[in-house]
């Protein structure tokens, strides 16, 4: 299950071409673990964990009178393993 916290319902638009109906945020925590097995006896296998946490800001956008709004947003994630911040643009998720 995924819950996006509604931040605002601005209902902004320009004619029937473009409109923003909802702004929301989503907090997340991801954890992945993996092992790389070596076929060579002289090279040891490697096991690693990759935890990350962050926030995603999402806008429900309607364009050209589409029946379903599109979700457009960006994600900021902090990777604990190497102390870096990554940003990602998201587009094209259909909001039902």
Protein backbone atom coordinates (compact mmCIF):
# COMPACT_ATOMS: atom_id res chain seq x y z
CA UNK A 1 0.00 0.00 0.00
CA UNK A 2 1.12 3.52 -0.72
CA UNK A 3 -0.30 6.71 0.78
CA UNK A 4 0.41 10.15 -0.70
CA UNK A 5 -0.22 12.99 1.76
CA UNK A 6 -2.33 15.68 0.04
CA UNK A 7 -0.65 19.08 0.38
CA UNK A 8 -3.05 21.26 -1.64
CA UNK A 9 -5.88 21.18 -4.16
CA UNK A 10 -5.04 24.31 -6.21
CA UNK A 11 -7.33 23.57 -9.19
CA UNK A 12 -5.18 25.79 -11.41
CA UNK A 13 -5.44 25.70 -15.15
CA UNK A 14 -5.17 27.44 -18.46
CA UNK A 15 -8.30 27.04 -20.57
CA UNK A 16 -8.83 23.32 -21.22
CA UNK A 17 -5.22 22.71 -22.22
CA UNK A 18 -3.53 22.23 -18.89
CA UNK A 19 -4.53 22.00 -15.23
CA UNK A 20 -3.13 21.02 -11.83
CA UNK A 21 -5.74 19.47 -9.55
CA UNK A 22 -3.71 18.12 -6.61
CA UNK A 23 -0.27 18.44 -5.02
CA UNK A 24 0.88 15.66 -2.71
CA UNK A 25 3.97 14.25 -1.00
CA UNK A 26 5.05 10.70 -0.28
CA UNK A 27 7.73 9.63 2.22
CA UNK A 28 9.55 6.37 1.51
CA UNK A 29 12.22 4.01 2.76
CA UNK A 30 13.73 1.34 0.52
CA UNK A 31 15.99 -1.52 1.50
CA UNK A 32 17.68 -3.90 -0.91
CA UNK A 33 20.19 -6.68 -0.30
CA UNK A 34 22.10 -8.67 -2.85
CA UNK A 35 24.91 -11.14 -3.31
CA UNK A 36 27.31 -11.45 -6.22
CA UNK A 37 28.62 -14.99 -6.38
CA UNK A 38 32.02 -15.60 -7.94
CA UNK A 39 32.77 -18.64 -10.08
CA UNK A 40 36.49 -18.19 -9.42
CA UNK A 41 37.66 -19.70 -6.11
CA UNK A 42 40.26 -16.93 -5.65
CA UNK A 43 37.64 -14.13 -5.76
CA UNK A 44 35.29 -14.00 -2.76
CA UNK A 45 31.53 -13.50 -3.05
CA UNK A 46 30.25 -10.01 -2.26
CA UNK A 47 27.13 -9.28 -0.20
CA UNK A 48 25.84 -5.71 -0.01
CA UNK A 49 22.86 -3.80 1.40
CA UNK A 50 21.48 -0.63 -0.18
CA UNK A 51 19.11 1.32 2.11
CA UNK A 52 17.68 4.68 1.04
CA UNK A 53 15.01 7.12 2.24
CA UNK A 54 13.45 10.24 0.83
CA UNK A 55 10.44 12.22 -0.26
CA UNK A 56 8.49 12.38 -3.51
CA UNK A 57 6.48 15.45 -4.56
CA UNK A 58 3.66 14.71 -7.01
CA UNK A 59 1.25 16.89 -9.03
CA UNK A 60 -1.88 15.48 -10.65
CA UNK A 61 -1.97 17.17 -14.05
CA UNK A 62 -4.70 17.17 -16.66
CA UNK A 63 -3.82 18.07 -20.23
CA UNK A 64 -5.98 18.50 -23.32
CA UNK A 65 -9.11 17.18 -21.57
CA UNK A 66 -7.69 13.73 -20.84
CA UNK A 67 -10.09 11.53 -18.88
CA UNK A 68 -7.41 10.45 -16.38
CA UNK A 69 -4.93 12.91 -14.89
CA UNK A 70 -1.21 12.20 -15.17
CA UNK A 71 1.07 12.15 -12.14
CA UNK A 72 4.15 14.31 -12.62
CA UNK A 73 6.74 14.94 -9.95
CA UNK A 74 10.22 14.54 -8.62
CA UNK A 75 11.88 12.39 -5.99
CA UNK A 76 14.76 13.22 -3.66
CA UNK A 77 16.45 10.18 -2.10
CA UNK A 78 19.29 9.86 0.40
CA UNK A 79 21.46 6.77 -0.02
CA UNK A 80 22.87 5.65 3.34
CA UNK A 81 25.55 3.41 1.83
CA UNK A 82 27.58 6.19 0.20
CA UNK A 83 26.04 9.32 1.82
CA UNK A 84 24.79 10.77 -1.47
CA UNK A 85 21.59 12.48 -2.55
CA UNK A 86 19.89 11.47 -5.80
CA UNK A 87 17.05 13.27 -7.59
CA UNK A 88 14.70 11.76 -10.15
CA UNK A 89 11.97 13.27 -12.33
CA UNK A 90 8.83 11.13 -12.67
CA UNK A 91 6.28 11.38 -15.48
CA UNK A 92 3.54 9.33 -17.00
CA UNK A 93 2.00 7.45 -14.11
CA UNK A 94 -1.74 7.36 -14.59
CA UNK A 95 -3.71 8.31 -11.47
CA UNK A 96 -6.84 6.20 -11.11
